[in-house]
Amino acid sequence: MSEKSEKFLRVMLDFIPSLESEYRNSIENNGELLETVIIEDVLMPEILKLLSEDSNVELLSHIFDYFEEVCNSEDNYLLNIFSVTVLEILGNDRAILEVAQKYMGPKTKQLQVQADVDLGRIN
């Protein structure tokens, strides 16, 4: 795991501190910190819930501002993890993606479209 991906998880837990125990449980259950598992099973369900409710605009804005920062990172490892987890999951549900796009910056939108292309969801 890169320093940047470790920082990413910490920042996300700062945004959503209620996930801290689930985060720790995942590490305990898996015997190690598995970034993709944490993102897919701990972080993203909560982010998807926030997007489906679309009521905590301030928190969503902060999260997606940070996503934009991540998307502009030069850490290829972090970008790859982010693309194959966060961006692919956001594209799984078109209604959720439509809400998410209101909060996405230009680079996040670009990389999310690329994730959809890579998966064959769009041409």
C-alpha atoms as a PDB file:
ATOM      1  CA  MET A   1       0.000   0.000   0.000  1.00  0.00           C
ATOM      2  CA  SER A   2       1.312   3.414  -0.895  1.00  0.00           C
ATOM      3  CA  GLU A   3       1.501   6.325   1.536  1.00  0.00           C
ATOM      4  CA  LYS A   4      -1.003   8.191  -0.626  1.00  0.00           C
ATOM      5  CA  SER A   5      -3.561   5.378  -0.497  1.00  0.00           C
ATOM      6  CA  GLU A   6      -3.137   5.154   3.274  1.00  0.00           C
ATOM      7  CA  LYS A   7      -3.714   8.916   3.452  1.00  0.00           C
ATOM      8  CA  PHE A   8      -6.770   8.518   1.214  1.00  0.00           C
ATOM      9  CA  LEU A   9      -8.349   6.056   3.663  1.00  0.00           C
ATOM     10  CA  ARG A  10      -7.539   8.293   6.635  1.00  0.00           C
ATOM     11  CA  VAL A  11      -9.058  11.362   4.957  1.00  0.00           C
ATOM     12  CA  MET A  12     -12.179   9.401   4.043  1.00  0.00           C
ATOM     13  CA  LEU A  13     -12.545   8.264   7.654  1.00  0.00           C
ATOM     14  CA  ASP A  14     -12.154  11.878   8.746  1.00  0.00           C
ATOM     15  CA  PHE A  15     -15.100  12.722   6.472  1.00  0.00           C
ATOM     16  CA  ILE A  16     -17.181   9.799   7.766  1.00  0.00           C
ATOM     17  CA  PRO A  17     -15.875   8.952  11.250  1.00  0.00           C
ATOM     18  CA  SER A  18     -18.842   6.654  11.934  1.00  0.00           C
ATOM     19  CA  LEU A  19     -17.128   4.082   9.677  1.00  0.00           C
ATOM     20  CA  GLU A  20     -14.067   3.747  11.914  1.00  0.00           C
ATOM     21  CA  SER A  21     -15.227   0.559  13.671  1.00  0.00           C
ATOM     22  CA  GLU A  22     -16.253  -1.070  10.379  1.00  0.00           C
ATOM     23  CA  TYR A  23     -12.814  -0.125   9.017  1.00  0.00           C
ATOM     24  CA  ARG A  24     -11.090  -1.754  11.996  1.00  0.00           C
ATOM     25  CA  ASN A  25     -13.330  -4.836  11.757  1.00  0.00           C
ATOM     26  CA  SER A  26     -12.393  -5.271   8.107  1.00  0.00           C
ATOM     27  CA  ILE A  27      -8.692  -5.206   8.983  1.00  0.00           C
ATOM     28  CA  GLU A  28      -9.239  -7.668  11.827  1.00  0.00           C
ATOM     29  CA  ASN A  29     -11.391 -10.028   9.735  1.00  0.00           C
ATOM     30  CA  ASN A  30      -8.957 -10.021   6.813  1.00  0.00           C
ATOM     31  CA  GLY A  31      -5.790 -10.082   8.890  1.00  0.00           C
ATOM     32  CA  GLU A  32      -4.529  -6.988   7.083  1.00  0.00           C
ATOM     33  CA  LEU A  33      -5.634  -3.721   5.531  1.00  0.00           C
ATOM     34  CA  LEU A  34      -6.983  -4.505   2.079  1.00  0.00           C
ATOM     35  CA  GLU A  35      -7.594  -1.170   0.384  1.00  0.00           C
ATOM     36  CA  THR A  36     -10.055  -2.372  -2.223  1.00  0.00           C
ATOM     37  CA  VAL A  37     -12.090  -4.261   0.388  1.00  0.00           C
ATOM     38  CA  ILE A  38     -12.210  -1.216   2.668  1.00  0.00           C
ATOM     39  CA  ILE A  39     -13.243   1.071  -0.193  1.00  0.00           C
ATOM     40  CA  GLU A  40     -15.799  -1.332  -1.676  1.00  0.00           C
ATOM     41  CA  ASP A  41     -17.298  -2.723   1.538  1.00  0.00           C
ATOM     42  CA  VAL A  42     -16.893   0.098   4.041  1.00  0.00           C
ATOM     43  CA  LEU A  43     -16.620   3.475   2.319  1.00  0.00           C
ATOM     44  CA  MET A  44     -18.653   3.148  -0.858  1.00  0.00           C
ATOM     45  CA  PRO A  45     -21.900   1.840   0.662  1.00  0.00           C
ATOM     46  CA  GLU A  46     -22.005   4.958   2.839  1.00  0.00           C
ATOM     47  CA  ILE A  47     -21.127   7.271  -0.044  1.00  0.00           C
ATOM     48  CA  LEU A  48     -23.798   5.622  -2.208  1.00  0.00           C
ATOM     49  CA  LYS A  49     -26.297   6.120   0.613  1.00  0.00           C
ATOM     50  CA  LEU A  50     -25.346   9.795   0.861  1.00  0.00           C
ATOM     51  CA  LEU A  51     -25.733  10.172  -2.901  1.00  0.00           C
ATOM     52  CA  SER A  52     -29.098   8.397  -2.960  1.00  0.00           C
ATOM     53  CA  GLU A  53     -30.391  10.745  -0.255  1.00  0.00           C
ATOM     54  CA  ASP A  54     -28.606  13.766  -1.787  1.00  0.00           C
ATOM     55  CA  SER A  55     -29.309  15.732   1.365  1.00  0.00           C
ATOM     56  CA  ASN A  56     -25.896  16.255   2.956  1.00  0.00           C
ATOM     57  CA  VAL A  57     -24.665  18.591   0.235  1.00  0.00           C
ATOM     58  CA  GLU A  58     -21.810  20.008   2.291  1.00  0.00           C
ATOM     59  CA  LEU A  59     -20.329  16.596   3.103  1.00  0.00           C
ATOM     60  CA  LEU A  60     -20.760  15.365  -0.476  1.00  0.00           C
ATOM     61  CA  SER A  61     -19.101  18.534  -1.771  1.00  0.00           C
ATOM     62  CA  HIS A  62     -16.123  18.006   0.533  1.00  0.00           C
ATOM     63  CA  ILE A  63     -15.831  14.338  -0.422  1.00  0.00           C
ATOM     64  CA  PHE A  64     -15.964  15.058  -4.144  1.00  0.00           C
ATOM     65  CA  ASP A  65     -13.554  17.991  -3.820  1.00  0.00           C
ATOM     66  CA  TYR A  66     -11.161  15.494  -2.274  1.00  0.00           C
ATOM     67  CA  PHE A  67     -11.911  12.983  -5.045  1.00  0.00           C
ATOM     68  CA  GLU A  68     -10.916  15.665  -7.546  1.00  0.00           C
ATOM     69  CA  GLU A  69      -7.651  16.151  -5.658  1.00  0.00           C
ATOM     70  CA  VAL A  70      -7.058  12.389  -5.789  1.00  0.00           C
ATOM     71  CA  CYS A  71      -7.825  12.307  -9.521  1.00  0.00           C
ATOM     72  CA  ASN A  72      -5.196  14.986 -10.081  1.00  0.00           C
ATOM     73  CA  SER A  73      -2.631  13.032  -8.085  1.00  0.00           C
ATOM     74  CA  GLU A  74       0.444  11.680  -9.791  1.00  0.00           C
ATOM     75  CA  ASP A  75       0.398   8.523  -7.675  1.00  0.00           C
ATOM     76  CA  ASN A  76      -0.478   5.847 -10.253  1.00  0.00           C
ATOM     77  CA  TYR A  77      -1.094   3.223  -7.580  1.00  0.00           C
ATOM     78  CA  LEU A  78      -3.691   5.397  -5.825  1.00  0.00           C
ATOM     79  CA  LEU A  79      -5.284   6.407  -9.127  1.00  0.00           C
ATOM     80  CA  ASN A  80      -5.621   2.774 -10.155  1.00  0.00           C
ATOM     81  CA  ILE A  81      -7.170   1.734  -6.825  1.00  0.00           C
ATOM     82  CA  PHE A  82      -9.499   4.749  -6.959  1.00  0.00           C
ATOM     83  CA  SER A  83     -10.560   4.026 -10.546  1.00  0.00           C
ATOM     84  CA  VAL A  84     -11.273   0.320 -10.074  1.00  0.00           C
ATOM     85  CA  THR A  85     -13.197   0.863  -6.863  1.00  0.00           C
ATOM     86  CA  VAL A  86     -14.779   4.284  -6.387  1.00  0.00           C
ATOM     87  CA  LEU A  87     -15.262   5.272 -10.024  1.00  0.00           C
ATOM     88  CA  GLU A  88     -16.430   1.858 -11.205  1.00  0.00           C
ATOM     89  CA  ILE A  89     -18.897   1.591  -8.311  1.00  0.00           C
ATOM     90  CA  LEU A  90     -20.284   5.059  -9.026  1.00  0.00           C
ATOM     91  CA  GLY A  91     -20.981   3.933 -12.584  1.00  0.00           C
ATOM     92  CA  ASN A  92     -22.901   0.832 -11.491  1.00  0.00           C
ATOM     93  CA  ASP A  93     -26.118   2.787 -10.964  1.00  0.00           C
ATOM     94  CA  ARG A  94     -26.995   5.491 -13.480  1.00  0.00           C
ATOM     95  CA  ALA A  95     -29.278   7.336 -11.042  1.00  0.00           C
ATOM     96  CA  ILE A  96     -26.504   7.489  -8.429  1.00  0.00           C
ATOM     97  CA  LEU A  97     -23.989   8.515 -11.077  1.00  0.00           C
ATOM     98  CA  GLU A  98     -26.258  11.352 -12.193  1.00  0.00           C
ATOM     99  CA  VAL A  99     -26.328  12.719  -8.640  1.00  0.00           C
ATOM    100  CA  ALA A 100     -22.575  12.180  -8.228  1.00  0.00           C
ATOM    101  CA  GLN A 101     -21.856  14.117 -11.414  1.00  0.00           C
ATOM    102  CA  LYS A 102     -23.286  17.254  -9.782  1.00  0.00           C
ATOM    103  CA  TYR A 103     -20.429  17.078  -7.285  1.00  0.00           C
ATOM    104  CA  MET A 104     -17.620  15.825  -9.551  1.00  0.00           C
ATOM    105  CA  GLY A 105     -14.848  18.040 -10.765  1.00  0.00           C
ATOM    106  CA  PRO A 106     -13.636  17.842 -14.380  1.00  0.00           C
ATOM    107  CA  LYS A 107     -10.863  15.290 -13.793  1.00  0.00           C
ATOM    108  CA  THR A 108     -13.127  13.042 -11.713  1.00  0.00           C
ATOM    109  CA  LYS A 109     -15.744  13.102 -14.493  1.00  0.00           C
ATOM    110  CA  GLN A 110     -13.082  12.319 -17.084  1.00  0.00           C
ATOM    111  CA  LEU A 111     -11.697   9.370 -15.114  1.00  0.00           C
ATOM    112  CA  GLN A 112     -15.184   8.053 -14.324  1.00  0.00           C
ATOM    113  CA  VAL A 113     -16.058   8.019 -18.033  1.00  0.00           C
ATOM    114  CA  GLN A 114     -12.745   6.262 -18.698  1.00  0.00           C
ATOM    115  CA  ALA A 115     -13.616   3.649 -16.055  1.00  0.00           C
ATOM    116  CA  ASP A 116     -16.932   3.038 -17.841  1.00  0.00           C
ATOM    117  CA  VAL A 117     -15.131   2.736 -21.186  1.00  0.00           C
ATOM    118  CA  ASP A 118     -12.603   0.319 -19.674  1.00  0.00           C
ATOM    119  CA  LEU A 119     -15.471  -1.841 -18.388  1.00  0.00           C
ATOM    120  CA  GLY A 120     -17.248  -1.726 -21.730  1.00  0.00           C
ATOM    121  CA  ARG A 121     -20.272   0.088 -20.283  1.00  0.00           C
ATOM    122  CA  ILE A 122     -19.898   2.837 -22.869  1.00  0.00           C
ATOM    123  CA  ASN A 123     -18.010   3.167 -26.132  1.00  0.00           C
END
